[in-house]
Amino acid sequence: MFGTAARQMGYAWSMLAGRRFRVKDVAALVDDLRATLEEFGSPGEGAGEMLTAPDPEMQRDLAARRLRRTVRLTARDTPYYRRWFEQHGIDPASITLDSLASIEPTTKAALRDLPSTFVADRARPAVLAQTTGTTGVPTMVWFSRYEIDLMSGMSALALMLAGGLRPEHVWANCITSRSIAQILIERAVTMTGAAFFHLGVVDPRATLDRLAVPLHVPGKRPQVTHLNTTASYLAALVQEAERGGWHAKDFGLEEIHSGGEVLTDALKERAEAMFGAPVLDGYSMTEIAPVGGQVCGQGHLHLPTDQGHVEVLDPETFRPAAPGAHGVLVVTPYTMYRDTTLLLRYVTGDIVKVLPESETPACELAAVPATSRVLGRLSPSSLTTRDVLDLLQAEHEIPLPTRYALEETRSGPVLHAVTGKVSRALVSRLEERAAELKLPLRGIELVDDPADLPALCRVRADLREHTFEQVTATASARVDKPALRAAAEAVAEIGVR
């Protein structure tokens, strides 16, 4: 008991001081929490306070201290920022929350072109992670063992405290192995006692089989309970499941986590109906880890302020975006979490809307700062990725994952979309809905082949991994699903006994 209290005090001190954590204490807290849950079934009163500071005033004071330390260390230790501060004659020690805007935002291009100049002189790089590169050349980010151990431990605490993950659960990952999230999630899940396996981004038919087949593993649920994937691969799973005649009772999923891409309400509803599990929409990216957010029940993206400083800036001027206006997320991860690739005011490229002053969240995450959900990229005609996907994914005739391209013309943008069958009736419905949504489209053109789009459309579901299982997966539509269901039910019954 004394040891647990001491570790909690050490954790709290690091949070308040903005200094490095004792990783072994974080790991021990995970073990303590797991033991408490196994013995008492709940974490106990006040356990959730480990994850966040209790009031806005304290949060602002903590943010000011963490930011000052982050700017000072980053300017001292990284070649890129050391040179920048010297060239502009700015004293890093003078930077505060109010003067942060004097630092030029860091673009993806800068990090992509010279990744080594963002690595701290005193760093001990251990893992090189890459972004998926769906919007261009992959960006490389180095992580140390400290960063990986710390973020894994904190994620494990969050999964148990806020996510309800328990040792009997089975977590499946369907994301690219190049992502740092693959390492972090695997370690975090196994720290909770739950089982983990990497399904990968394979043929959706093979994944559906894996999700449905009984596991026969002692102490675990009969089937996979948690699925983590991107929105486009989730869409591919939904499409294949609908074609193959699958039903919610074929699966044992309790929760689906979607991130990395825009998740529409239409796709969320189809996935929940198909798999019989809620779909949780989250936000994260390799460059700004561990900064991330969660979408609440009211459809706001909530971004905690304890792991990094988050700004919402006008995409053109980089001044604070006005209420109700589009803005790009600009993030500074704090050096208490990051010690290798260090970034100040990193422009993520992800567009959100600042909430109108009249829109005050009254949800389960109301105490955490919020924006709109991520809208994706912003076109020259002010159309966002979400605008287009909301339009197209409302139509079940349009295959998943959705593929489209916007062609900018002098009289306005023309939307080109891939559909299974081109029909005038479908075009008419899309045009009518576009008018209702007030989308500034000059026209809609449907094609039946992605090669006919005026520009290449990349989605994360395209990051396919080859597997010999594809040979058997082609027969998934002929699987005896009643027999599979009976087997799953039999295993569940045995497990209960």
Protein backbone atom coordinates (compact mmCIF):
# COMPACT_ATOMS: atom_id res chain seq x y z
CA MET A 1 0.00 0.00 0.00
CA PHE A 2 2.81 2.42 0.94
CA GLY A 3 4.64 1.61 -2.29
CA THR A 4 1.55 2.37 -4.37
CA ALA A 5 1.05 5.70 -2.60
CA ALA A 6 4.69 6.64 -3.17
CA ARG A 7 4.45 5.80 -6.86
CA GLN A 8 1.27 7.86 -7.20
CA MET A 9 2.99 10.79 -5.51
CA GLY A 10 5.95 10.46 -7.86
CA TYR A 11 3.64 10.35 -10.86
CA ALA A 12 1.75 13.41 -9.64
CA TRP A 13 5.01 15.29 -9.01
CA SER A 14 6.16 14.67 -12.58
CA MET A 15 2.79 15.84 -13.91
CA LEU A 16 2.97 19.04 -11.83
CA ALA A 17 6.64 19.78 -12.42
CA GLY A 18 6.60 18.98 -16.13
CA ARG A 19 9.69 16.81 -15.77
CA ARG A 20 10.58 13.28 -16.87
CA PHE A 21 8.69 10.40 -15.32
CA ARG A 22 10.21 7.42 -13.57
CA VAL A 23 9.13 4.82 -16.09
CA LYS A 24 9.43 1.97 -13.60
CA ASP A 25 6.94 3.77 -11.35
CA VAL A 26 4.46 4.11 -14.23
CA ALA A 27 4.81 0.38 -15.00
CA ALA A 28 4.33 -0.43 -11.31
CA LEU A 29 1.19 1.72 -11.22
CA VAL A 30 -0.16 -0.35 -14.11
CA ASP A 31 0.50 -3.51 -12.12
CA ASP A 32 -1.08 -1.98 -9.00
CA LEU A 33 -4.20 -0.96 -10.90
CA ARG A 34 -4.48 -4.34 -12.57
CA ALA A 35 -4.22 -6.10 -9.20
CA THR A 36 -6.84 -3.77 -7.73
CA LEU A 37 -9.23 -4.44 -10.58
CA GLU A 38 -8.75 -8.19 -10.31
CA GLU A 39 -9.42 -8.13 -6.57
CA PHE A 40 -12.13 -5.49 -6.22
CA GLY A 41 -13.54 -5.10 -9.75
CA SER A 42 -13.17 -1.30 -9.79
CA PRO A 43 -10.18 1.09 -9.56
CA GLY A 44 -11.43 2.87 -6.46
CA GLU A 45 -12.47 6.44 -5.78
CA GLY A 46 -10.33 9.13 -7.35
CA ALA A 47 -8.26 6.77 -9.50
CA GLY A 48 -9.19 8.66 -12.66
CA GLU A 49 -7.44 11.77 -11.36
CA MET A 50 -4.12 10.18 -12.36
CA LEU A 51 -4.93 10.97 -15.98
CA THR A 52 -5.92 14.64 -15.81
CA ALA A 53 -5.55 17.76 -13.68
CA PRO A 54 -8.75 18.72 -11.87
CA ASP A 55 -9.51 22.31 -12.91
CA PRO A 56 -8.92 24.74 -15.84
CA GLU A 57 -6.83 27.19 -13.80
CA MET A 58 -4.42 24.45 -12.76
CA GLN A 59 -4.32 23.18 -16.35
CA ARG A 60 -3.30 26.60 -17.65
CA ASP A 61 -0.57 26.94 -15.02
CA LEU A 62 0.74 23.47 -15.84
CA ALA A 63 0.60 24.21 -19.57
CA ALA A 64 2.62 27.40 -19.10
CA ARG A 65 5.35 25.59 -17.19
CA ARG A 66 5.49 22.61 -19.54
CA LEU A 67 5.60 24.85 -22.60
CA ARG A 68 8.44 27.01 -21.25
CA ARG A 69 10.49 23.92 -20.47
CA THR A 70 9.70 22.33 -23.84
CA VAL A 71 10.72 25.42 -25.82
CA ARG A 72 13.92 25.86 -23.82
CA LEU A 73 15.06 22.23 -24.17
CA THR A 74 14.05 21.96 -27.82
CA ALA A 75 15.89 25.17 -28.77
CA ARG A 76 18.97 24.00 -26.89
CA ASP A 77 19.13 20.38 -28.05
CA THR A 78 17.92 20.18 -31.67
CA PRO A 79 19.93 21.50 -34.64
CA TYR A 80 16.82 22.71 -36.48
CA TYR A 81 15.40 24.90 -33.71
CA ARG A 82 18.79 25.95 -32.35
CA ARG A 83 19.57 27.42 -35.77
CA TRP A 84 16.09 28.96 -36.08
CA PHE A 85 16.25 30.80 -32.74
CA GLU A 86 19.76 32.04 -33.50
CA GLN A 87 18.77 33.32 -36.96
CA HIS A 88 15.72 35.17 -35.61
CA GLY A 89 17.40 36.53 -32.50
CA ILE A 90 14.76 35.19 -30.14
CA ASP A 91 15.60 34.08 -26.62
CA PRO A 92 13.87 30.72 -26.02
CA ALA A 93 13.55 31.57 -22.33
CA SER A 94 11.33 34.52 -23.24
CA ILE A 95 8.62 32.34 -24.82
CA THR A 96 5.35 32.09 -22.91
CA LEU A 97 1.83 31.00 -23.77
CA ASP A 98 1.14 34.56 -24.90
CA SER A 99 4.27 34.91 -27.05
CA LEU A 100 4.31 31.40 -28.54
CA ALA A 101 3.04 32.81 -31.84
CA SER A 102 6.47 34.40 -32.40
CA ILE A 103 7.79 30.90 -33.21
CA GLU A 104 7.27 30.00 -36.85
CA PRO A 105 5.07 26.89 -37.27
CA THR A 106 6.90 23.73 -38.34
CA THR A 107 5.60 22.19 -41.56
CA LYS A 108 5.47 18.52 -42.53
CA ALA A 109 7.82 19.31 -45.40
CA ALA A 110 10.48 20.60 -43.00
CA LEU A 111 10.35 17.43 -40.90
CA ARG A 112 10.15 15.18 -43.95
CA ASP A 113 13.13 16.78 -45.68
CA LEU A 114 15.52 16.90 -42.70
CA PRO A 115 14.27 14.48 -40.03
CA SER A 116 17.67 14.14 -38.33
CA THR A 117 17.83 17.87 -37.53
CA PHE A 118 14.83 17.48 -35.23
CA VAL A 119 16.49 14.75 -33.16
CA ALA A 120 17.86 16.01 -29.84
CA ASP A 121 21.63 15.94 -29.32
CA ARG A 122 21.27 13.95 -26.10
CA ALA A 123 18.70 11.51 -27.45
CA ARG A 124 19.08 7.75 -27.45
CA PRO A 125 17.06 6.78 -30.55
CA ALA A 126 15.68 3.25 -30.44
CA VAL A 127 12.85 2.97 -32.98
CA LEU A 128 12.33 4.74 -36.31
CA ALA A 129 8.64 5.05 -37.12
CA GLN A 130 7.17 6.14 -40.44
CA THR A 131 3.84 7.67 -41.33
CA THR A 132 1.74 5.86 -43.92
CA GLY A 133 2.51 8.34 -46.69
CA THR A 134 -1.00 8.27 -48.14
CA THR A 135 -0.75 12.01 -48.77
CA GLY A 136 2.86 11.95 -49.97
CA VAL A 137 6.31 10.74 -48.95
CA PRO A 138 6.32 9.11 -45.49
CA THR A 139 7.60 11.20 -42.59
CA MET A 140 10.19 9.62 -40.27
CA VAL A 141 10.10 10.09 -36.51
CA TRP A 142 12.55 8.64 -33.99
CA PHE A 143 11.50 7.36 -30.57
CA SER A 144 13.55 6.36 -27.56
CA ARG A 145 12.98 3.46 -25.20
CA TYR A 146 11.90 6.01 -22.56
CA GLU A 147 9.19 7.37 -24.84
CA ILE A 148 7.93 3.92 -25.81
CA ASP A 149 7.89 2.63 -22.22
CA LEU A 150 6.21 5.77 -20.89
CA MET A 151 3.53 6.05 -23.57
CA SER A 152 2.76 2.33 -23.35
CA GLY A 153 2.34 2.53 -19.59
CA MET A 154 0.14 5.60 -19.72
CA SER A 155 -1.96 4.04 -22.47
CA ALA A 156 -2.39 0.91 -20.33
CA LEU A 157 -3.64 3.05 -17.44
CA ALA A 158 -6.11 4.80 -19.76
CA LEU A 159 -7.32 1.51 -21.27
CA MET A 160 -8.11 0.13 -17.84
CA LEU A 161 -9.46 3.29 -16.21
CA ALA A 162 -11.41 4.82 -19.10
CA GLY A 163 -11.70 1.94 -21.57
CA GLY A 164 -12.63 -0.89 -19.25
CA LEU A 165 -10.08 -3.28 -20.78
CA ARG A 166 -9.69 -6.42 -18.67
CA PRO A 167 -7.51 -9.58 -18.80
CA GLU A 168 -10.28 -11.69 -20.37
CA HIS A 169 -10.46 -9.43 -23.44
CA VAL A 170 -8.78 -10.08 -26.79
CA TRP A 171 -7.56 -7.10 -28.83
CA ALA A 172 -6.91 -7.32 -32.57
CA ASN A 173 -4.92 -4.70 -34.49
CA CYS A 174 -5.61 -4.06 -38.18
CA ILE A 175 -3.15 -1.24 -38.85
CA THR A 176 0.12 -1.00 -40.75
CA SER A 177 3.15 -2.38 -38.94
CA ARG A 178 5.14 0.74 -39.87
CA SER A 179 3.19 2.83 -37.36
CA ILE A 180 4.52 3.49 -33.87
CA ALA A 181 0.97 2.78 -32.73
CA GLN A 182 1.56 -0.90 -33.51
CA ILE A 183 4.29 -1.08 -30.85
CA LEU A 184 2.55 1.15 -28.30
CA ILE A 185 -0.83 -0.56 -28.48
CA GLU A 186 0.65 -4.05 -28.32
CA ARG A 187 2.62 -3.20 -25.19
CA ALA A 188 -0.22 -1.28 -23.56
CA VAL A 189 -2.79 -4.02 -24.15
CA THR A 190 -0.57 -6.80 -22.85
CA MET A 191 0.30 -4.73 -19.76
CA THR A 192 -3.39 -4.80 -18.83
CA GLY A 193 -3.40 -8.59 -19.01
CA ALA A 194 -5.56 -8.67 -22.13
CA ALA A 195 -4.48 -10.71 -25.16
CA PHE A 196 -3.23 -9.06 -28.34
CA PHE A 197 -2.61 -10.15 -31.87
CA HIS A 198 -1.70 -8.30 -35.02
CA LEU A 199 -4.08 -9.19 -37.80
CA GLY A 200 -2.58 -6.60 -40.10
CA VAL A 201 -4.12 -5.01 -43.17
CA VAL A 202 -4.80 -8.26 -45.01
CA ASP A 203 -7.60 -9.39 -47.31
CA PRO A 204 -10.82 -8.40 -45.47
CA ARG A 205 -12.19 -11.90 -45.99
CA ALA A 206 -9.33 -13.36 -43.97
CA THR A 207 -9.88 -10.78 -41.21
CA LEU A 208 -13.60 -11.57 -40.97
CA ASP A 209 -12.79 -15.25 -40.61
CA ARG A 210 -10.31 -14.48 -37.84
CA LEU A 211 -12.80 -12.28 -36.00
CA ALA A 212 -15.48 -14.96 -36.14
CA VAL A 213 -13.57 -18.19 -35.46
CA PRO A 214 -13.56 -19.32 -31.78
CA LEU A 215 -10.17 -18.90 -30.08
CA HIS A 216 -10.21 -21.74 -27.51
CA VAL A 217 -7.81 -19.82 -25.25
CA PRO A 218 -7.96 -20.35 -21.44
CA GLY A 219 -9.05 -17.28 -19.51
CA LYS A 220 -10.06 -15.33 -22.61
CA ARG A 221 -13.35 -14.59 -24.30
CA PRO A 222 -14.37 -17.04 -27.04
CA GLN A 223 -13.77 -14.50 -29.83
CA VAL A 224 -11.95 -11.24 -30.45
CA THR A 225 -13.54 -8.52 -28.29
CA HIS A 226 -11.73 -5.35 -29.41
CA LEU A 227 -10.77 -4.26 -32.92
CA ASN A 228 -8.47 -1.36 -33.71
CA THR A 229 -8.24 -0.14 -37.30
CA THR A 230 -8.52 2.79 -39.68
CA ALA A 231 -11.80 4.10 -41.07
CA SER A 232 -11.09 2.94 -44.63
CA TYR A 233 -10.17 -0.61 -43.59
CA LEU A 234 -13.25 -0.71 -41.35
CA ALA A 235 -15.21 0.31 -44.45
CA ALA A 236 -13.61 -2.54 -46.41
CA LEU A 237 -14.60 -4.98 -43.65
CA VAL A 238 -18.18 -3.70 -43.66
CA GLN A 239 -18.42 -4.01 -47.44
CA GLU A 240 -17.05 -7.56 -47.46
CA ALA A 241 -19.22 -8.61 -44.51
CA GLU A 242 -22.36 -7.33 -46.23
CA ARG A 243 -21.45 -9.13 -49.45
CA GLY A 244 -20.58 -12.35 -47.62
CA GLY A 245 -23.77 -12.56 -45.59
CA TRP A 246 -22.19 -12.06 -42.18
CA HIS A 247 -24.27 -10.92 -39.19
CA ALA A 248 -23.55 -9.35 -35.81
CA LYS A 249 -24.12 -12.68 -34.04
CA ASP A 250 -21.18 -14.16 -35.97
CA PHE A 251 -18.79 -11.98 -33.98
CA GLY A 252 -17.91 -11.37 -30.35
CA LEU A 253 -16.79 -7.76 -30.69
CA GLU A 254 -17.52 -5.45 -27.77
CA GLU A 255 -15.73 -2.34 -29.03
CA ILE A 256 -14.21 -1.05 -32.27
CA HIS A 257 -11.60 1.72 -32.27
CA SER A 258 -11.25 3.78 -35.44
CA GLY A 259 -8.55 6.37 -36.10
CA GLY A 260 -6.19 7.79 -38.67
CA GLU A 261 -8.91 8.82 -41.13
CA VAL A 262 -12.27 10.57 -41.21
CA LEU A 263 -15.04 8.38 -39.77
CA THR A 264 -18.50 9.43 -40.97
CA ASP A 265 -21.77 8.86 -39.13
CA ALA A 266 -22.98 6.73 -42.04
CA LEU A 267 -19.99 4.38 -41.85
CA LYS A 268 -20.15 4.28 -38.05
CA GLU A 269 -23.81 3.22 -38.15
CA ARG A 270 -23.20 0.53 -40.79
CA ALA A 271 -20.25 -0.87 -38.85
CA GLU A 272 -22.15 -0.93 -35.56
CA ALA A 273 -25.08 -2.69 -37.22
CA MET A 274 -22.83 -5.26 -38.89
CA PHE A 275 -20.56 -6.08 -35.94
CA GLY A 276 -22.93 -5.41 -33.04
CA ALA A 277 -20.40 -3.21 -31.21
CA PRO A 278 -19.96 0.53 -30.67
CA VAL A 279 -17.39 2.29 -32.84
CA LEU A 280 -15.20 4.81 -31.00
CA ASP A 281 -13.70 7.63 -33.04
CA GLY A 282 -10.24 8.80 -31.93
CA TYR A 283 -7.50 11.11 -33.16
CA SER A 284 -3.74 10.60 -33.07
CA MET A 285 -0.73 10.78 -35.37
CA THR A 286 2.85 9.56 -35.25
CA GLU A 287 4.52 12.97 -35.19
CA ILE A 288 2.63 14.35 -32.18
CA ALA A 289 2.40 11.21 -30.00
CA PRO A 290 1.25 10.93 -27.24
CA VAL A 291 -1.08 13.86 -27.96
CA GLY A 292 -4.46 12.54 -29.07
CA GLY A 293 -8.17 13.03 -28.70
CA GLN A 294 -11.51 11.27 -28.42
CA VAL A 295 -14.86 12.08 -30.02
CA CYS A 296 -17.67 12.41 -27.46
CA GLY A 297 -21.30 11.43 -27.76
CA GLN A 298 -22.18 14.92 -29.01
CA GLY A 299 -19.70 14.70 -31.89
CA HIS A 300 -16.94 16.97 -30.55
CA LEU A 301 -13.25 16.11 -30.63
CA HIS A 302 -11.80 16.57 -27.14
CA LEU A 303 -8.03 17.09 -26.94
CA PRO A 304 -6.56 16.93 -23.41
CA THR A 305 -3.97 19.61 -22.66
CA ASP A 306 -1.68 17.62 -20.36
CA GLN A 307 0.50 15.97 -23.02
CA GLY A 308 1.00 18.80 -25.47
CA HIS A 309 -0.02 22.34 -26.37
CA VAL A 310 -2.75 22.39 -29.02
CA GLU A 311 -3.59 25.39 -31.21
CA VAL A 312 -6.26 25.78 -33.88
CA LEU A 313 -4.94 28.23 -36.47
CA ASP A 314 -6.13 29.69 -39.75
CA PRO A 315 -4.60 27.46 -42.48
CA GLU A 316 -3.36 30.47 -44.46
CA THR A 317 -2.33 33.09 -41.89
CA PHE A 318 -1.54 30.81 -38.93
CA ARG A 319 -3.36 33.20 -36.65
CA PRO A 320 -5.91 31.80 -34.17
CA ALA A 321 -8.99 30.65 -36.07
CA ALA A 322 -12.20 32.47 -35.24
CA PRO A 323 -15.20 30.74 -33.63
CA GLY A 324 -17.08 28.73 -36.25
CA ALA A 325 -14.19 28.94 -38.74
CA HIS A 326 -11.97 26.24 -40.20
CA GLY A 327 -8.61 25.82 -38.52
CA VAL A 328 -5.64 23.47 -38.70
CA LEU A 329 -4.45 21.60 -35.61
CA VAL A 330 -0.97 22.77 -34.59
CA VAL A 331 0.64 20.78 -31.79
CA THR A 332 3.67 21.05 -29.51
CA PRO A 333 4.27 17.75 -27.66
CA TYR A 334 5.81 18.34 -24.23
CA THR A 335 9.38 17.16 -23.55
CA MET A 336 8.30 15.38 -20.37
CA TYR A 337 6.93 12.78 -22.81
CA ARG A 338 9.23 13.27 -25.81
CA ASP A 339 13.04 13.34 -25.78
CA THR A 340 14.10 12.28 -29.28
CA THR A 341 12.32 13.92 -32.25
CA LEU A 342 11.25 17.25 -30.75
CA LEU A 343 8.73 19.52 -32.44
CA LEU A 344 7.45 23.04 -31.80
CA ARG A 345 4.13 24.18 -33.30
CA TYR A 346 3.90 21.24 -35.71
CA VAL A 347 1.29 21.77 -38.44
CA THR A 348 -0.60 18.49 -38.63
CA GLY A 349 -2.58 19.38 -41.77
CA ASP A 350 -5.76 18.12 -40.09
CA ILE A 351 -8.64 20.57 -40.34
CA VAL A 352 -11.26 21.13 -37.64
CA LYS A 353 -13.78 23.85 -36.91
CA VAL A 354 -13.54 26.03 -33.85
CA LEU A 355 -16.75 25.61 -31.89
CA PRO A 356 -19.08 28.63 -32.06
CA GLU A 357 -19.25 30.64 -28.85
CA SER A 358 -22.87 29.54 -28.48
CA GLU A 359 -21.92 25.84 -28.58
CA THR A 360 -20.76 24.75 -25.15
CA PRO A 361 -20.20 21.00 -24.80
CA ALA A 362 -22.35 19.32 -22.16
CA CYS A 363 -21.06 15.79 -22.58
CA GLU A 364 -19.07 13.24 -20.62
CA LEU A 365 -15.84 15.04 -21.68
CA ALA A 366 -17.09 18.60 -21.17
CA ALA A 367 -14.11 19.53 -18.95
CA VAL A 368 -11.66 18.80 -21.80
CA PRO A 369 -11.13 21.44 -24.55
CA ALA A 370 -13.03 20.60 -27.73
CA THR A 371 -13.31 21.34 -31.43
CA SER A 372 -15.41 19.81 -34.17
CA ARG A 373 -14.47 16.33 -35.30
CA VAL A 374 -11.51 16.18 -37.66
CA LEU A 375 -12.69 17.24 -41.11
CA GLY A 376 -9.68 15.95 -43.04
CA ARG A 377 -8.03 18.10 -45.68
CA LEU A 378 -9.39 21.41 -47.01
CA SER A 379 -9.72 21.90 -50.78
CA PRO A 380 -9.21 25.27 -52.53
CA SER A 381 -13.02 25.51 -52.77
CA SER A 382 -13.33 25.03 -48.98
CA LEU A 383 -14.67 21.48 -49.26
CA THR A 384 -13.36 19.13 -46.60
CA THR A 385 -12.79 15.39 -46.74
CA ARG A 386 -15.71 14.95 -44.34
CA ASP A 387 -18.01 17.01 -46.60
CA VAL A 388 -17.40 14.63 -49.48
CA LEU A 389 -17.49 11.40 -47.46
CA ASP A 390 -20.71 12.44 -45.71
CA LEU A 391 -22.26 12.90 -49.14
CA LEU A 392 -21.01 9.68 -50.71
CA GLN A 393 -21.21 7.25 -47.81
CA ALA A 394 -24.90 7.99 -47.29
CA GLU A 395 -25.44 5.99 -50.51
CA HIS A 396 -25.05 2.21 -50.11
CA GLU A 397 -24.73 1.85 -53.89
CA ILE A 398 -21.30 3.46 -53.67
CA PRO A 399 -18.76 0.77 -52.71
CA LEU A 400 -16.58 0.96 -49.62
CA PRO A 401 -13.94 2.14 -49.04
CA THR A 402 -15.02 5.33 -50.79
CA ARG A 403 -12.82 6.55 -53.62
CA TYR A 404 -13.17 9.99 -55.15
CA ALA A 405 -11.29 12.95 -56.56
CA LEU A 406 -12.12 16.66 -56.66
CA GLU A 407 -11.34 18.45 -59.92
CA GLU A 408 -11.03 22.20 -59.46
CA THR A 409 -12.36 24.15 -62.45
CA ARG A 410 -12.89 27.85 -63.10
CA SER A 411 -16.61 27.52 -62.44
CA GLY A 412 -16.21 25.35 -59.34
CA PRO A 413 -15.17 21.88 -58.20
CA VAL A 414 -16.39 18.72 -59.93
CA LEU A 415 -16.67 15.61 -57.78
CA HIS A 416 -15.63 12.34 -59.43
CA ALA A 417 -16.58 9.20 -57.47
CA VAL A 418 -16.22 5.47 -58.01
CA THR A 419 -19.45 3.50 -57.95
CA GLY A 420 -20.30 -0.11 -58.65
CA LYS A 421 -22.86 0.85 -61.25
CA VAL A 422 -23.22 4.26 -62.88
CA SER A 423 -26.85 5.38 -62.95
CA ARG A 424 -28.66 8.65 -63.54
CA ALA A 425 -30.85 8.01 -60.50
CA LEU A 426 -27.81 7.81 -58.21
CA VAL A 427 -26.36 11.00 -59.67
CA SER A 428 -29.68 12.76 -59.11
CA ARG A 429 -29.81 11.68 -55.46
CA LEU A 430 -26.25 12.83 -54.89
CA GLU A 431 -26.91 16.19 -56.55
CA GLU A 432 -30.03 16.67 -54.46
CA ARG A 433 -28.22 15.81 -51.25
CA ALA A 434 -25.27 18.05 -52.17
CA ALA A 435 -27.70 20.93 -52.59
CA GLU A 436 -29.26 20.20 -49.20
CA LEU A 437 -25.80 20.20 -47.62
CA LYS A 438 -24.93 23.41 -49.48
CA LEU A 439 -21.78 21.94 -50.98
CA PRO A 440 -20.28 24.23 -53.66
CA LEU A 441 -20.08 21.56 -56.34
CA ARG A 442 -20.33 22.41 -60.04
CA GLY A 443 -21.10 18.82 -60.93
CA ILE A 444 -20.86 15.14 -60.00
CA GLU A 445 -19.35 12.53 -62.30
CA LEU A 446 -19.51 8.80 -61.53
CA VAL A 447 -17.04 6.22 -62.83
CA ASP A 448 -16.90 2.45 -62.41
CA ASP A 449 -13.11 2.15 -62.30
CA PRO A 450 -10.72 3.97 -59.91
CA ALA A 451 -8.29 4.33 -62.83
CA ASP A 452 -10.78 6.73 -64.43
CA LEU A 453 -10.51 9.24 -61.58
CA PRO A 454 -8.65 12.43 -62.54
CA ALA A 455 -6.31 11.93 -59.56
CA LEU A 456 -5.10 8.95 -57.56
CA CYS A 457 -7.13 8.25 -54.42
CA ARG A 458 -5.09 6.63 -51.64
CA VAL A 459 -6.63 5.26 -48.43
CA ARG A 460 -4.98 3.36 -45.60
CA ALA A 461 -6.93 0.24 -46.50
CA ASP A 462 -4.64 0.04 -49.55
CA LEU A 463 -1.63 -0.74 -47.35
CA ARG A 464 -2.32 -4.44 -47.83
CA GLU A 465 -0.04 -7.11 -46.46
CA HIS A 466 0.23 -10.36 -48.36
CA THR A 467 -0.68 -13.57 -46.59
CA PHE A 468 -1.00 -17.18 -47.67
CA GLU A 469 -4.33 -17.07 -45.86
CA GLN A 470 -5.76 -15.25 -48.87
CA VAL A 471 -6.03 -18.61 -50.61
CA THR A 472 -8.49 -19.94 -48.03
CA ALA A 473 -10.09 -16.56 -47.49
CA THR A 474 -11.58 -16.63 -50.98
CA ALA A 475 -13.91 -19.32 -49.71
CA SER A 476 -15.20 -17.20 -46.82
CA ALA A 477 -18.45 -16.53 -48.59
CA ARG A 478 -19.02 -20.28 -48.57
CA VAL A 479 -18.20 -20.73 -44.87
CA ASP A 480 -20.91 -22.64 -43.01
CA LYS A 481 -21.87 -19.71 -40.82
CA PRO A 482 -24.54 -21.58 -38.80
CA ALA A 483 -21.88 -24.15 -37.86
CA LEU A 484 -19.43 -21.38 -37.01
CA ARG A 485 -22.02 -19.72 -34.78
CA ALA A 486 -22.79 -23.02 -33.06
CA ALA A 487 -19.08 -23.56 -32.40
CA ALA A 488 -18.71 -20.09 -30.92
CA GLU A 489 -21.75 -20.59 -28.70
CA ALA A 490 -20.43 -23.97 -27.54
CA VAL A 491 -17.07 -22.47 -26.62
CA ALA A 492 -18.80 -19.62 -24.79
CA GLU A 493 -20.92 -22.09 -22.84
CA ILE A 494 -17.87 -24.14 -21.86
CA GLY A 495 -16.14 -20.95 -20.79
CA VAL A 496 -19.03 -20.00 -18.52
CA ARG A 497 -18.96 -23.42 -16.85
